[in-house]
């Protein structure tokens, strides 16, 4: 009895001149259409209303752990309140330059310099330096000068500067 529908499908595929792969694809698509139609009918009719709904005792998790008690108020955090994030007068902390030779003279000369970024693209490496000459900052490469200091090397996290016999380093992430 199952051979009759299969044989009927084969004869229909031969009559329409379909390859076996195309016939199977059409059969699968027709099956998916029937399944989608059945799903749409069940969705329109809806679920059985006589079935009882299950109630749970679920509650959302608490943000305060029971062992720590009540969370501290935001007004208790003096560090955050002393430097609010969105405040007109907020400025980043100045970066401290590490100086090699002649520490006192070099640190005074580098006081207006800070290293904001280092970018390596292809074979070139550039550093974004903010100085008193250009407070908006500018991109510099090895060999260029800023405030009388020549960039000797642009490292991964630091900038080496020379001025005659003096040398200094500006770090991207100064150690605290």
Protein backbone atom coordinates (compact mmCIF):
# COMPACT_ATOMS: atom_id res chain seq x y z
CA UNK A 1 0.00 0.00 0.00
CA UNK A 2 2.93 2.37 0.61
CA UNK A 3 4.40 1.53 -2.78
CA UNK A 4 1.41 3.04 -4.63
CA UNK A 5 1.98 6.69 -3.51
CA UNK A 6 5.70 6.40 -4.19
CA UNK A 7 5.08 4.91 -7.64
CA UNK A 8 2.51 7.66 -8.34
CA UNK A 9 5.06 10.32 -7.34
CA UNK A 10 7.69 8.72 -9.62
CA UNK A 11 5.32 8.65 -12.58
CA UNK A 12 4.39 12.31 -11.96
CA UNK A 13 8.09 13.26 -11.84
CA UNK A 14 8.71 11.39 -15.14
CA UNK A 15 5.70 13.08 -16.75
CA UNK A 16 7.00 16.52 -15.70
CA UNK A 17 10.52 15.52 -16.84
CA UNK A 18 12.11 16.19 -13.43
CA UNK A 19 15.42 14.75 -12.35
CA UNK A 20 15.35 12.59 -9.20
CA UNK A 21 17.15 15.32 -7.22
CA UNK A 22 14.66 18.00 -8.32
CA UNK A 23 11.77 15.67 -7.50
CA UNK A 24 13.12 15.05 -3.98
CA UNK A 25 13.62 18.79 -3.46
CA UNK A 26 10.02 19.48 -4.50
CA UNK A 27 8.84 16.71 -2.17
CA UNK A 28 10.74 18.21 0.79
CA UNK A 29 9.42 21.70 0.03
CA UNK A 30 5.87 20.40 -0.21
CA UNK A 31 6.31 18.65 3.16
CA UNK A 32 7.57 21.89 4.71
CA UNK A 33 4.57 23.77 3.29
CA UNK A 34 2.17 21.26 4.83
CA UNK A 35 3.96 21.52 8.19
CA UNK A 36 3.87 25.35 8.07
CA UNK A 37 0.16 25.27 7.20
CA UNK A 38 -0.52 22.93 10.12
CA UNK A 39 1.42 25.19 12.47
CA UNK A 40 -0.57 28.23 11.29
CA UNK A 41 -3.86 26.45 11.87
CA UNK A 42 -2.82 25.39 15.39
CA UNK A 43 -1.67 28.96 16.12
CA UNK A 44 -4.99 30.43 14.99
CA UNK A 45 -7.05 27.95 16.94
CA UNK A 46 -4.89 28.48 20.00
CA UNK A 47 -3.81 26.23 22.84
CA UNK A 48 -6.23 24.28 24.95
CA UNK A 49 -7.79 26.78 27.36
CA UNK A 50 -8.83 24.03 29.77
CA UNK A 51 -5.19 23.22 30.59
CA UNK A 52 -4.23 24.78 33.94
CA UNK A 53 -1.37 27.27 33.94
CA UNK A 54 1.54 26.44 36.18
CA UNK A 55 2.49 29.01 38.84
CA UNK A 56 6.06 29.36 40.03
CA UNK A 57 7.64 30.97 43.05
CA UNK A 58 10.36 32.64 40.97
CA UNK A 59 11.61 36.02 42.16
CA UNK A 60 14.21 38.22 40.51
CA UNK A 61 17.69 38.05 42.05
CA UNK A 62 18.62 40.66 44.62
CA UNK A 63 21.48 43.04 43.88
CA UNK A 64 22.53 43.02 47.53
CA UNK A 65 23.98 39.80 48.79
CA UNK A 66 22.56 38.71 52.15
CA UNK A 67 26.04 38.44 53.70
CA UNK A 68 27.07 42.02 52.94
CA UNK A 69 23.88 43.65 54.11
CA UNK A 70 22.77 46.93 52.62
CA UNK A 71 24.79 48.43 49.74
CA UNK A 72 26.64 51.68 50.55
CA UNK A 73 25.10 54.90 49.31
CA UNK A 74 26.72 56.67 46.36
CA UNK A 75 27.20 59.77 48.50
CA UNK A 76 29.63 57.78 50.69
CA UNK A 77 32.15 57.40 47.83
CA UNK A 78 34.36 60.47 48.21
CA UNK A 79 36.72 59.44 45.37
CA UNK A 80 33.90 59.34 42.81
CA UNK A 81 32.35 62.56 44.02
CA UNK A 82 35.69 64.41 43.95
CA UNK A 83 36.08 63.65 40.20
CA UNK A 84 32.58 63.29 38.67
CA UNK A 85 32.55 61.75 35.20
CA UNK A 86 30.35 64.29 33.46
CA UNK A 87 31.60 67.60 34.77
CA UNK A 88 32.67 70.60 32.71
CA UNK A 89 35.90 71.21 34.63
CA UNK A 90 36.98 67.53 34.68
CA UNK A 91 40.44 67.03 33.19
CA UNK A 92 42.62 63.92 32.99
CA UNK A 93 45.44 63.61 35.45
CA UNK A 94 48.73 64.87 33.99
CA UNK A 95 51.16 62.13 32.96
CA UNK A 96 54.53 62.09 34.64
CA UNK A 97 57.62 61.83 32.46
CA UNK A 98 60.37 59.38 33.42
CA UNK A 99 63.73 61.03 33.03
CA UNK A 100 67.09 59.34 32.44
CA UNK A 101 69.99 61.82 32.88
CA UNK A 102 69.70 65.21 34.61
CA UNK A 103 66.42 64.37 36.32
CA UNK A 104 65.63 67.83 37.70
CA UNK A 105 66.32 69.72 34.47
CA UNK A 106 64.62 67.11 32.27
CA UNK A 107 61.44 66.84 34.32
CA UNK A 108 60.98 70.60 34.31
CA UNK A 109 61.37 70.70 30.51
CA UNK A 110 58.98 67.76 30.01
CA UNK A 111 56.34 69.09 32.40
CA UNK A 112 54.17 70.31 29.51
CA UNK A 113 54.41 67.08 27.50
CA UNK A 114 52.17 64.03 27.69
CA UNK A 115 51.88 60.94 25.53
CA UNK A 116 48.29 60.13 24.59
CA UNK A 117 48.58 57.33 22.00
CA UNK A 118 50.96 55.20 19.92
CA UNK A 119 49.94 53.79 16.55
CA UNK A 120 51.86 51.27 14.46
CA UNK A 121 50.71 50.98 10.84
CA UNK A 122 52.72 49.06 8.32
CA UNK A 123 56.35 50.02 8.82
CA UNK A 124 55.74 53.39 10.47
CA UNK A 125 55.12 54.17 14.13
CA UNK A 126 53.66 57.46 15.30
CA UNK A 127 52.94 58.97 18.71
CA UNK A 128 50.18 61.42 19.62
CA UNK A 129 51.80 64.03 21.88
CA UNK A 130 50.02 66.82 23.72
CA UNK A 131 52.26 69.79 24.52
CA UNK A 132 52.12 73.44 25.49
CA UNK A 133 52.81 74.30 21.82
CA UNK A 134 49.82 72.23 20.63
CA UNK A 135 47.32 71.61 23.45
CA UNK A 136 44.99 69.82 21.00
CA UNK A 137 47.84 67.34 20.33
CA UNK A 138 49.57 66.23 17.15
CA UNK A 139 50.98 63.07 15.59
CA UNK A 140 54.77 62.82 15.58
CA UNK A 141 57.21 60.27 14.15
CA UNK A 142 60.81 59.41 14.97
CA UNK A 143 63.15 62.33 14.24
CA UNK A 144 60.55 65.09 14.71
CA UNK A 145 60.88 67.66 17.52
CA UNK A 146 58.52 68.94 20.17
CA UNK A 147 59.41 71.70 22.65
CA UNK A 148 63.10 71.36 21.75
CA UNK A 149 63.16 67.58 22.32
CA UNK A 150 63.82 65.20 19.41
CA UNK A 151 61.97 61.89 19.27
CA UNK A 152 64.71 59.25 19.30
CA UNK A 153 62.45 56.18 19.36
CA UNK A 154 58.76 55.34 19.50
CA UNK A 155 58.40 52.12 21.49
CA UNK A 156 55.39 49.98 22.19
CA UNK A 157 54.39 51.88 25.35
CA UNK A 158 56.87 54.75 25.58
CA UNK A 159 58.50 57.60 23.73
CA UNK A 160 62.26 58.22 24.05
CA UNK A 161 63.28 61.86 23.75
CA UNK A 162 66.75 63.45 23.50
CA UNK A 163 67.90 67.04 23.82
CA UNK A 164 71.66 67.23 23.39
CA UNK A 165 73.18 65.08 26.14
CA UNK A 166 69.90 64.82 28.06
CA UNK A 167 67.42 62.02 27.50
CA UNK A 168 63.93 61.36 28.84
CA UNK A 169 61.06 58.92 28.44
CA UNK A 170 57.34 59.59 28.20
CA UNK A 171 55.26 56.53 29.04
CA UNK A 172 51.82 55.83 27.64
CA UNK A 173 50.77 54.18 30.91
CA UNK A 174 52.85 55.67 33.72
CA UNK A 175 53.49 53.43 36.71
CA UNK A 176 51.84 54.63 39.88
